[in-house]
Amino acid sequence: MNYTISTDPQKLDLSVIHGYLSRSYWSPNIPKETVFRAIRHSLCFGIYLGEAQVGFGRVVTDYATFAYIADVFVLEDHRGKGLSKRLVEAMLEHPELQGLRRWTLGTKDAHGLYARYGFAPSNPERDMVRRMFDKY
């Protein structure tokens, strides 16, 4: 099958993206407006089979020093084909994201995927986070 990855925001299928994210463990019931605002302010990557979107990921970045990988998914029917690896590679190799000092992400179940690209658990003594639960 001929899958492609694109950063063209016009190709994004917002209903597919919101549909998946609203049932994911990291953003259950997230409002459409929140997803759309996040997309507008991120560098987004879509995976497509023909014109149909089958995967997604976004990078939140200042394009100079840091990048945060978020909302990575491949629809269930398209898993097991190396698409998540191709997506992470596309993100890390994007020309506008070269030379950054720090890439970060959060995951509950994909540590093996990201470890192959040099991601490792961070220093809990130094890194801090403010979490706002029950947001959606």
Foldseek 3Di string as FASTA:
>chain_A
DDKDKDQPPVLDDLCVLCVVQCPDPVRNNNDSVVVVVVSVQWRKMFMDDVSDTFWIWTWHDPLAAEIEIDSTDGHPVPPPPCVSLVVVVCVCPPPSNPPYNYYYYDDDPPPVSVVVVPDDDDDPVPDDDDDDPPPD
